[in-house]
Amino acid sequence: MDNLTDGLKKILLAGVGAVALTAEKAGEILEEMVEKGEITVEQGKALNQELKRTVKENAGKKENEEKDLNKIVDGLSSDELSKLKEIIAAAENK
């Protein structure tokens, strides 16, 4: 069961990491656009604030999803749990 829980946590953390990396790259792109004069500094600040708010909202959703997943896993039969372990193992091998 711990392996399954660890696998699910890894998947969720990967999602959170992807969101964080996307936010970081988007911030860099905004800075470049400001430097090139494609957008104003004020527009860049506004877009960056919106991006940060969106990232925070998505991070909160990921935490709730982890709690929901724990409830789902606890309710699985042994056959369902075995199948889920196979799916996770296959995903880890990719």
PDB file of N, CA and C in Angstrom:
ATOM      1  N   MET A   1       0.825  -1.198   0.000  1.00  0.00           N
ATOM      2  CA  MET A   1       0.000   0.000   0.000  1.00  0.00           C
ATOM      3  C   MET A   1       0.865   1.257   0.000  1.00  0.00           C
ATOM      4  N   ASP A   2       1.998   1.181   0.737  1.00  0.00           N
ATOM      5  CA  ASP A   2       2.880   2.347   0.774  1.00  0.00           C
ATOM      6  C   ASP A   2       3.447   2.648  -0.605  1.00  0.00           C
ATOM      7  N   ASN A   3       3.774   1.604  -1.374  1.00  0.00           N
ATOM      8  CA  ASN A   3       4.294   1.823  -2.726  1.00  0.00           C
ATOM      9  C   ASN A   3       3.262   2.512  -3.597  1.00  0.00           C
ATOM     10  N   LEU A   4       2.020   2.113  -3.450  1.00  0.00           N
ATOM     11  CA  LEU A   4       0.946   2.716  -4.226  1.00  0.00           C
ATOM     12  C   LEU A   4       0.777   4.180  -3.832  1.00  0.00           C
ATOM     13  N   THR A   5       0.754   4.442  -2.554  1.00  0.00           N
ATOM     14  CA  THR A   5       0.608   5.814  -2.071  1.00  0.00           C
ATOM     15  C   THR A   5       1.789   6.661  -2.534  1.00  0.00           C
ATOM     16  N   ASP A   6       2.996   6.095  -2.449  1.00  0.00           N
ATOM     17  CA  ASP A   6       4.169   6.826  -2.917  1.00  0.00           C
ATOM     18  C   ASP A   6       4.066   7.126  -4.410  1.00  0.00           C
ATOM     19  N   GLY A   7       3.582   6.161  -5.167  1.00  0.00           N
ATOM     20  CA  GLY A   7       3.415   6.372  -6.605  1.00  0.00           C
ATOM     21  C   GLY A   7       2.437   7.486  -6.900  1.00  0.00           C
ATOM     22  N   LEU A   8       1.337   7.496  -6.190  1.00  0.00           N
ATOM     23  CA  LEU A   8       0.341   8.555  -6.396  1.00  0.00           C
ATOM     24  C   LEU A   8       0.900   9.915  -6.003  1.00  0.00           C
ATOM     25  N   LYS A   9       1.643   9.949  -4.906  1.00  0.00           N
ATOM     26  CA  LYS A   9       2.243  11.217  -4.478  1.00  0.00           C
ATOM     27  C   LYS A   9       3.230  11.714  -5.519  1.00  0.00           C
ATOM     28  N   LYS A  10       4.024  10.799  -6.094  1.00  0.00           N
ATOM     29  CA  LYS A  10       4.985  11.195  -7.125  1.00  0.00           C
ATOM     30  C   LYS A  10       4.279  11.791  -8.325  1.00  0.00           C
ATOM     31  N   ILE A  11       3.173  11.184  -8.714  1.00  0.00           N
ATOM     32  CA  ILE A  11       2.415  11.683  -9.857  1.00  0.00           C
ATOM     33  C   ILE A  11       1.879  13.085  -9.563  1.00  0.00           C
ATOM     34  N   LEU A  12       1.322  13.269  -8.380  1.00  0.00           N
ATOM     35  CA  LEU A  12       0.788  14.586  -8.023  1.00  0.00           C
ATOM     36  C   LEU A  12       1.890  15.632  -7.914  1.00  0.00           C
ATOM     37  N   LEU A  13       3.024  15.246  -7.322  1.00  0.00           N
ATOM     38  CA  LEU A  13       4.136  16.189  -7.196  1.00  0.00           C
ATOM     39  C   LEU A  13       4.702  16.563  -8.565  1.00  0.00           C
ATOM     40  N   ALA A  14       4.710  15.606  -9.475  1.00  0.00           N
ATOM     41  CA  ALA A  14       5.157  15.909 -10.834  1.00  0.00           C
ATOM     42  C   ALA A  14       4.241  16.946 -11.467  1.00  0.00           C
ATOM     43  N   GLY A  15       2.943  16.816 -11.227  1.00  0.00           N
ATOM     44  CA  GLY A  15       1.989  17.799 -11.752  1.00  0.00           C
ATOM     45  C   GLY A  15       2.210  19.176 -11.163  1.00  0.00           C
ATOM     46  N   VAL A  16       2.444  19.223  -9.854  1.00  0.00           N
ATOM     47  CA  VAL A  16       2.696  20.507  -9.198  1.00  0.00           C
ATOM     48  C   VAL A  16       4.002  21.109  -9.718  1.00  0.00           C
ATOM     49  N   GLY A  17       5.014  20.258  -9.899  1.00  0.00           N
ATOM     50  CA  GLY A  17       6.288  20.728 -10.426  1.00  0.00           C
ATOM     51  C   GLY A  17       6.151  21.288 -11.829  1.00  0.00           C
ATOM     52  N   ALA A  18       5.346  20.636 -12.637  1.00  0.00           N
ATOM     53  CA  ALA A  18       5.125  21.116 -14.001  1.00  0.00           C
ATOM     54  C   ALA A  18       4.444  22.477 -13.992  1.00  0.00           C
ATOM     55  N   VAL A  19       3.495  22.654 -13.100  1.00  0.00           N
ATOM     56  CA  VAL A  19       2.807  23.941 -12.993  1.00  0.00           C
ATOM     57  C   VAL A  19       3.788  25.025 -12.555  1.00  0.00           C
ATOM     58  N   ALA A  20       4.632  24.703 -11.576  1.00  0.00           N
ATOM     59  CA  ALA A  20       5.604  25.678 -11.080  1.00  0.00           C
ATOM     60  C   ALA A  20       6.606  26.053 -12.172  1.00  0.00           C
ATOM     61  N   LEU A  21       7.076  25.059 -12.904  1.00  0.00           N
ATOM     62  CA  LEU A  21       8.024  25.328 -13.987  1.00  0.00           C
ATOM     63  C   LEU A  21       7.382  26.174 -15.078  1.00  0.00           C
ATOM     64  N   THR A  22       6.150  25.887 -15.393  1.00  0.00           N
ATOM     65  CA  THR A  22       5.434  26.664 -16.394  1.00  0.00           C
ATOM     66  C   THR A  22       5.294  28.118 -15.946  1.00  0.00           C
ATOM     67  N   ALA A  23       4.979  28.303 -14.683  1.00  0.00           N
ATOM     68  CA  ALA A  23       4.837  29.664 -14.157  1.00  0.00           C
ATOM     69  C   ALA A  23       6.165  30.407 -14.230  1.00  0.00           C
ATOM     70  N   GLU A  24       7.238  29.720 -13.901  1.00  0.00           N
ATOM     71  CA  GLU A  24       8.563  30.341 -13.935  1.00  0.00           C
ATOM     72  C   GLU A  24       8.921  30.761 -15.364  1.00  0.00           C
ATOM     73  N   LYS A  25       8.708  29.863 -16.309  1.00  0.00           N
ATOM     74  CA  LYS A  25       9.023  30.161 -17.707  1.00  0.00           C
ATOM     75  C   LYS A  25       8.136  31.293 -18.230  1.00  0.00           C
ATOM     76  N   ALA A  26       6.878  31.281 -17.851  1.00  0.00           N
ATOM     77  CA  ALA A  26       5.963  32.338 -18.288  1.00  0.00           C
ATOM     78  C   ALA A  26       6.425  33.690 -17.748  1.00  0.00           C
ATOM     79  N   GLY A  27       6.910  33.704 -16.505  1.00  0.00           N
ATOM     80  CA  GLY A  27       7.434  34.939 -15.930  1.00  0.00           C
ATOM     81  C   GLY A  27       8.635  35.454 -16.707  1.00  0.00           C
ATOM     82  N   GLU A  28       9.503  34.540 -17.111  1.00  0.00           N
ATOM     83  CA  GLU A  28      10.667  34.921 -17.903  1.00  0.00           C
ATOM     84  C   GLU A  28      10.243  35.511 -19.248  1.00  0.00           C
ATOM     85  N   ILE A  29       9.249  34.899 -19.868  1.00  0.00           N
ATOM     86  CA  ILE A  29       8.756  35.390 -21.157  1.00  0.00           C
ATOM     87  C   ILE A  29       8.167  36.789 -20.999  1.00  0.00           C
ATOM     88  N   LEU A  30       7.429  37.008 -19.909  1.00  0.00           N
ATOM     89  CA  LEU A  30       6.864  38.340 -19.665  1.00  0.00           C
ATOM     90  C   LEU A  30       7.968  39.379 -19.515  1.00  0.00           C
ATOM     91  N   GLU A  31       9.023  39.027 -18.780  1.00  0.00           N
ATOM     92  CA  GLU A  31      10.139  39.960 -18.601  1.00  0.00           C
ATOM     93  C   GLU A  31      10.785  40.295 -19.949  1.00  0.00           C
ATOM     94  N   GLU A  32      10.956  39.289 -20.797  1.00  0.00           N
ATOM     95  CA  GLU A  32      11.531  39.521 -22.121  1.00  0.00           C
ATOM     96  C   GLU A  32      10.643  40.439 -22.955  1.00  0.00           C
ATOM     97  N   MET A  33       9.345  40.238 -22.857  1.00  0.00           N
ATOM     98  CA  MET A  33       8.418  41.069 -23.623  1.00  0.00           C
ATOM     99  C   MET A  33       8.486  42.526 -23.163  1.00  0.00           C
ATOM    100  N   VAL A  34       8.624  42.722 -21.845  1.00  0.00           N
ATOM    101  CA  VAL A  34       8.741  44.082 -21.311  1.00  0.00           C
ATOM    102  C   VAL A  34      10.033  44.713 -21.818  1.00  0.00           C
ATOM    103  N   GLU A  35      11.137  43.946 -21.773  1.00  0.00           N
ATOM    104  CA  GLU A  35      12.426  44.469 -22.216  1.00  0.00           C
ATOM    105  C   GLU A  35      12.400  44.850 -23.699  1.00  0.00           C
ATOM    106  N   LYS A  36      11.695  44.079 -24.494  1.00  0.00           N
ATOM    107  CA  LYS A  36      11.616  44.353 -25.931  1.00  0.00           C
ATOM    108  C   LYS A  36      10.608  45.451 -26.251  1.00  0.00           C
ATOM    109  N   GLY A  37       9.829  45.852 -25.271  1.00  0.00           N
ATOM    110  CA  GLY A  37       8.846  46.896 -25.490  1.00  0.00           C
ATOM    111  C   GLY A  37       7.551  46.390 -26.106  1.00  0.00           C
ATOM    112  N   GLU A  38       7.375  45.064 -26.110  1.00  0.00           N
ATOM    113  CA  GLU A  38       6.155  44.497 -26.691  1.00  0.00           C
ATOM    114  C   GLU A  38       4.949  44.705 -25.773  1.00  0.00           C
ATOM    115  N   ILE A  39       5.202  44.790 -24.487  1.00  0.00           N
ATOM    116  CA  ILE A  39       4.159  45.143 -23.513  1.00  0.00           C
ATOM    117  C   ILE A  39       4.766  46.138 -22.534  1.00  0.00           C
ATOM    118  N   THR A  40       3.912  46.883 -21.850  1.00  0.00           N
ATOM    119  CA  THR A  40       4.412  47.848 -20.878  1.00  0.00           C
ATOM    120  C   THR A  40       4.747  47.145 -19.570  1.00  0.00           C
ATOM    121  N   VAL A  41       5.481  47.828 -18.732  1.00  0.00           N
ATOM    122  CA  VAL A  41       5.843  47.282 -17.421  1.00  0.00           C
ATOM    123  C   VAL A  41       4.581  46.993 -16.613  1.00  0.00           C
ATOM    124  N   GLU A  42       3.623  47.893 -16.678  1.00  0.00           N
ATOM    125  CA  GLU A  42       2.376  47.705 -15.925  1.00  0.00           C
ATOM    126  C   GLU A  42       1.613  46.481 -16.426  1.00  0.00           C
ATOM    127  N   GLN A  43       1.567  46.299 -17.728  1.00  0.00           N
ATOM    128  CA  GLN A  43       0.902  45.113 -18.277  1.00  0.00           C
ATOM    129  C   GLN A  43       1.630  43.845 -17.837  1.00  0.00           C
ATOM    130  N   GLY A  44       2.960  43.895 -17.839  1.00  0.00           N
ATOM    131  CA  GLY A  44       3.751  42.749 -17.400  1.00  0.00           C
ATOM    132  C   GLY A  44       3.485  42.406 -15.945  1.00  0.00           C
ATOM    133  N   LYS A  45       3.403  43.438 -15.096  1.00  0.00           N
ATOM    134  CA  LYS A  45       3.107  43.211 -13.676  1.00  0.00           C
ATOM    135  C   LYS A  45       1.726  42.596 -13.498  1.00  0.00           C
ATOM    136  N   ALA A  46       0.757  43.116 -14.236  1.00  0.00           N
ATOM    137  CA  ALA A  46      -0.617  42.602 -14.128  1.00  0.00           C
ATOM    138  C   ALA A  46      -0.683  41.146 -14.576  1.00  0.00           C
ATOM    139  N   LEU A  47      -0.033  40.822 -15.677  1.00  0.00           N
ATOM    140  CA  LEU A  47      -0.031  39.451 -16.165  1.00  0.00           C
ATOM    141  C   LEU A  47       0.686  38.520 -15.195  1.00  0.00           C
ATOM    142  N   ASN A  48       1.779  38.999 -14.608  1.00  0.00           N
ATOM    143  CA  ASN A  48       2.525  38.192 -13.645  1.00  0.00           C
ATOM    144  C   ASN A  48       1.689  37.916 -12.395  1.00  0.00           C
ATOM    145  N   GLN A  49       0.952  38.909 -11.922  1.00  0.00           N
ATOM    146  CA  GLN A  49       0.080  38.721 -10.761  1.00  0.00           C
ATOM    147  C   GLN A  49      -1.014  37.701 -11.060  1.00  0.00           C
ATOM    148  N   GLU A  50      -1.584  37.791 -12.243  1.00  0.00           N
ATOM    149  CA  GLU A  50      -2.625  36.843 -12.644  1.00  0.00           C
ATOM    150  C   GLU A  50      -2.052  35.434 -12.721  1.00  0.00           C
ATOM    151  N   LEU A  51      -0.863  35.326 -13.240  1.00  0.00           N
ATOM    152  CA  LEU A  51      -0.199  34.028 -13.348  1.00  0.00           C
ATOM    153  C   LEU A  51       0.048  33.432 -11.961  1.00  0.00           C
ATOM    154  N   LYS A  52       0.538  34.245 -11.032  1.00  0.00           N
ATOM    155  CA  LYS A  52       0.784  33.770  -9.664  1.00  0.00           C
ATOM    156  C   LYS A  52      -0.507  33.307  -8.995  1.00  0.00           C
ATOM    157  N   ARG A  53      -1.584  34.065  -9.200  1.00  0.00           N
ATOM    158  CA  ARG A  53      -2.870  33.693  -8.607  1.00  0.00           C
ATOM    159  C   ARG A  53      -3.344  32.347  -9.159  1.00  0.00           C
ATOM    160  N   THR A  54      -3.197  32.168 -10.457  1.00  0.00           N
ATOM    161  CA  THR A  54      -3.605  30.920 -11.096  1.00  0.00           C
ATOM    162  C   THR A  54      -2.794  29.740 -10.571  1.00  0.00           C
ATOM    163  N   VAL A  55      -1.496  29.935 -10.398  1.00  0.00           N
ATOM    164  CA  VAL A  55      -0.635  28.864  -9.880  1.00  0.00           C
ATOM    165  C   VAL A  55      -1.051  28.481  -8.464  1.00  0.00           C
ATOM    166  N   LYS A  56      -1.344  29.467  -7.621  1.00  0.00           N
ATOM    167  CA  LYS A  56      -1.768  29.177  -6.250  1.00  0.00           C
ATOM    168  C   LYS A  56      -3.078  28.392  -6.234  1.00  0.00           C
ATOM    169  N   GLU A  57      -4.006  28.788  -7.095  1.00  0.00           N
ATOM    170  CA  GLU A  57      -5.286  28.081  -7.167  1.00  0.00           C
ATOM    171  C   GLU A  57      -5.082  26.628  -7.586  1.00  0.00           C
ATOM    172  N   ASN A  58      -4.228  26.424  -8.585  1.00  0.00           N
ATOM    173  CA  ASN A  58      -3.975  25.070  -9.071  1.00  0.00           C
ATOM    174  C   ASN A  58      -3.249  24.223  -8.029  1.00  0.00           C
ATOM    175  N   ALA A  59      -2.356  24.818  -7.267  1.00  0.00           N
ATOM    176  CA  ALA A  59      -1.649  24.084  -6.220  1.00  0.00           C
ATOM    177  C   ALA A  59      -2.640  23.620  -5.151  1.00  0.00           C
ATOM    178  N   GLY A  60      -3.596  24.467  -4.809  1.00  0.00           N
ATOM    179  CA  GLY A  60      -4.624  24.080  -3.841  1.00  0.00           C
ATOM    180  C   GLY A  60      -5.480  22.947  -4.347  1.00  0.00           C
ATOM    181  N   LYS A  61      -5.777  22.959  -5.631  1.00  0.00           N
ATOM    182  CA  LYS A  61      -6.560  21.882  -6.226  1.00  0.00           C
ATOM    183  C   LYS A  61      -5.797  20.571  -6.167  1.00  0.00           C
ATOM    184  N   LYS A  62      -4.485  20.611  -6.384  1.00  0.00           N
ATOM    185  CA  LYS A  62      -3.664  19.395  -6.349  1.00  0.00           C
ATOM    186  C   LYS A  62      -3.682  18.777  -4.961  1.00  0.00           C
ATOM    187  N   GLU A  63      -3.626  19.613  -3.926  1.00  0.00           N
ATOM    188  CA  GLU A  63      -3.665  19.104  -2.549  1.00  0.00           C
ATOM    189  C   GLU A  63      -5.000  18.407  -2.282  1.00  0.00           C
ATOM    190  N   ASN A  64      -6.086  19.000  -2.755  1.00  0.00           N
ATOM    191  CA  ASN A  64      -7.405  18.388  -2.575  1.00  0.00           C
ATOM    192  C   ASN A  64      -7.510  17.087  -3.349  1.00  0.00           C
ATOM    193  N   GLU A  65      -6.908  17.046  -4.545  1.00  0.00           N
ATOM    194  CA  GLU A  65      -6.933  15.826  -5.342  1.00  0.00           C
ATOM    195  C   GLU A  65      -6.193  14.700  -4.631  1.00  0.00           C
ATOM    196  N   GLU A  66      -5.089  15.029  -3.961  1.00  0.00           N
ATOM    197  CA  GLU A  66      -4.340  14.007  -3.225  1.00  0.00           C
ATOM    198  C   GLU A  66      -5.193  13.419  -2.111  1.00  0.00           C
ATOM    199  N   LYS A  67      -5.915  14.254  -1.394  1.00  0.00           N
ATOM    200  CA  LYS A  67      -6.800  13.765  -0.337  1.00  0.00           C
ATOM    201  C   LYS A  67      -7.891  12.869  -0.918  1.00  0.00           C
ATOM    202  N   ASP A  68      -8.458  13.295  -2.055  1.00  0.00           N
ATOM    203  CA  ASP A  68      -9.492  12.502  -2.712  1.00  0.00           C
ATOM    204  C   ASP A  68      -8.935  11.156  -3.175  1.00  0.00           C
ATOM    205  N   LEU A  69      -7.713  11.157  -3.694  1.00  0.00           N
ATOM    206  CA  LEU A  69      -7.099   9.916  -4.151  1.00  0.00           C
ATOM    207  C   LEU A  69      -6.882   8.953  -3.002  1.00  0.00           C
ATOM    208  N   ASN A  70      -6.480   9.477  -1.858  1.00  0.00           N
ATOM    209  CA  ASN A  70      -6.298   8.609  -0.690  1.00  0.00           C
ATOM    210  C   ASN A  70      -7.610   7.933  -0.307  1.00  0.00           C
ATOM    211  N   LYS A  71      -8.706   8.664  -0.379  1.00  0.00           N
ATOM    212  CA  LYS A  71     -10.017   8.085  -0.082  1.00  0.00           C
ATOM    213  C   LYS A  71     -10.364   6.996  -1.087  1.00  0.00           C
ATOM    214  N   ILE A  72     -10.071   7.265  -2.358  1.00  0.00           N
ATOM    215  CA  ILE A  72     -10.372   6.289  -3.405  1.00  0.00           C
ATOM    216  C   ILE A  72      -9.558   5.023  -3.203  1.00  0.00           C
ATOM    217  N   VAL A  73      -8.260   5.188  -2.955  1.00  0.00           N
ATOM    218  CA  VAL A  73      -7.381   4.028  -2.788  1.00  0.00           C
ATOM    219  C   VAL A  73      -7.815   3.193  -1.591  1.00  0.00           C
ATOM    220  N   ASP A  74      -8.195   3.837  -0.515  1.00  0.00           N
ATOM    221  CA  ASP A  74      -8.635   3.105   0.677  1.00  0.00           C
ATOM    222  C   ASP A  74      -9.874   2.262   0.390  1.00  0.00           C
ATOM    223  N   GLY A  75     -10.683   2.667  -0.573  1.00  0.00           N
ATOM    224  CA  GLY A  75     -11.910   1.953  -0.881  1.00  0.00           C
ATOM    225  C   GLY A  75     -11.773   0.874  -1.954  1.00  0.00           C
ATOM    226  N   LEU A  76     -10.561   0.666  -2.459  1.00  0.00           N
ATOM    227  CA  LEU A  76     -10.369  -0.318  -3.525  1.00  0.00           C
ATOM    228  C   LEU A  76     -10.309  -1.739  -2.985  1.00  0.00           C
ATOM    229  N   SER A  77     -10.823  -2.663  -3.786  1.00  0.00           N
ATOM    230  CA  SER A  77     -10.697  -4.078  -3.438  1.00  0.00           C
ATOM    231  C   SER A  77      -9.264  -4.519  -3.741  1.00  0.00           C
ATOM    232  N   SER A  78      -8.896  -5.703  -3.304  1.00  0.00           N
ATOM    233  CA  SER A  78      -7.530  -6.173  -3.537  1.00  0.00           C
ATOM    234  C   SER A  78      -7.255  -6.346  -5.036  1.00  0.00           C
ATOM    235  N   ASP A  79      -8.249  -6.790  -5.792  1.00  0.00           N
ATOM    236  CA  ASP A  79      -8.081  -6.930  -7.238  1.00  0.00           C
ATOM    237  C   ASP A  79      -7.887  -5.567  -7.908  1.00  0.00           C
ATOM    238  N   GLU A  80      -8.693  -4.603  -7.510  1.00  0.00           N
ATOM    239  CA  GLU A  80      -8.582  -3.254  -8.068  1.00  0.00           C
ATOM    240  C   GLU A  80      -7.237  -2.631  -7.696  1.00  0.00           C
ATOM    241  N   LEU A  81      -6.811  -2.869  -6.474  1.00  0.00           N
ATOM    242  CA  LEU A  81      -5.534  -2.352  -6.007  1.00  0.00           C
ATOM    243  C   LEU A  81      -4.378  -2.960  -6.800  1.00  0.00           C
ATOM    244  N   SER A  82      -4.451  -4.242  -7.074  1.00  0.00           N
ATOM    245  CA  SER A  82      -3.419  -4.910  -7.876  1.00  0.00           C
ATOM    246  C   SER A  82      -3.351  -4.320  -9.282  1.00  0.00           C
ATOM    247  N   LYS A  83      -4.507  -4.088  -9.872  1.00  0.00           N
ATOM    248  CA  LYS A  83      -4.564  -3.514 -11.215  1.00  0.00           C
ATOM    249  C   LYS A  83      -3.970  -2.107 -11.223  1.00  0.00           C
ATOM    250  N   LEU A  84      -4.288  -1.323 -10.212  1.00  0.00           N
ATOM    251  CA  LEU A  84      -3.755   0.028 -10.112  1.00  0.00           C
ATOM    252  C   LEU A  84      -2.241   0.005  -9.957  1.00  0.00           C
ATOM    253  N   LYS A  85      -1.726  -0.936  -9.180  1.00  0.00           N
ATOM    254  CA  LYS A  85      -0.276  -1.077  -9.020  1.00  0.00           C
ATOM    255  C   LYS A  85       0.382  -1.390 -10.352  1.00  0.00           C
ATOM    256  N   GLU A  86      -0.247  -2.229 -11.146  1.00  0.00           N
ATOM    257  CA  GLU A  86       0.285  -2.560 -12.478  1.00  0.00           C
ATOM    258  C   GLU A  86       0.329  -1.323 -13.370  1.00  0.00           C
ATOM    259  N   ILE A  87      -0.709  -0.542 -13.306  1.00  0.00           N
ATOM    260  CA  ILE A  87      -0.765   0.672 -14.127  1.00  0.00           C
ATOM    261  C   ILE A  87       0.326   1.643 -13.705  1.00  0.00           C
ATOM    262  N   ILE A  88       0.525   1.820 -12.399  1.00  0.00           N
ATOM    263  CA  ILE A  88       1.546   2.727 -11.904  1.00  0.00           C
ATOM    264  C   ILE A  88       2.928   2.227 -12.274  1.00  0.00           C
ATOM    265  N   ALA A  89       3.160   0.917 -12.129  1.00  0.00           N
ATOM    266  CA  ALA A  89       4.458   0.345 -12.489  1.00  0.00           C
ATOM    267  C   ALA A  89       4.751   0.570 -13.978  1.00  0.00           C
ATOM    268  N   ALA A  90       3.730   0.380 -14.806  1.00  0.00           N
ATOM    269  CA  ALA A  90       3.910   0.611 -16.250  1.00  0.00           C
ATOM    270  C   ALA A  90       4.233   2.074 -16.530  1.00  0.00           C
ATOM    271  N   ALA A  91       3.570   2.961 -15.819  1.00  0.00           N
ATOM    272  CA  ALA A  91       3.821   4.396 -16.010  1.00  0.00           C
ATOM    273  C   ALA A  91       5.231   4.775 -15.556  1.00  0.00           C
ATOM    274  N   GLU A  92       5.704   4.176 -14.477  1.00  0.00           N
ATOM    275  CA  GLU A  92       7.054   4.467 -13.987  1.00  0.00           C
ATOM    276  C   GLU A  92       8.120   3.960 -14.944  1.00  0.00           C
ATOM    277  N   ASN A  93       7.833   2.906 -15.670  1.00  0.00           N
ATOM    278  CA  ASN A  93       8.802   2.311 -16.597  1.00  0.00           C
ATOM    279  C   ASN A  93       8.912   3.078 -17.906  1.00  0.00           C
ATOM    280  N   LYS A  94       7.988   3.964 -18.176  1.00  0.00           N
ATOM    281  CA  LYS A  94       8.011   4.733 -19.432  1.00  0.00           C
ATOM    282  C   LYS A  94       9.099   5.744 -19.432  1.00  0.00           C
TER     283      LYS A  94
END
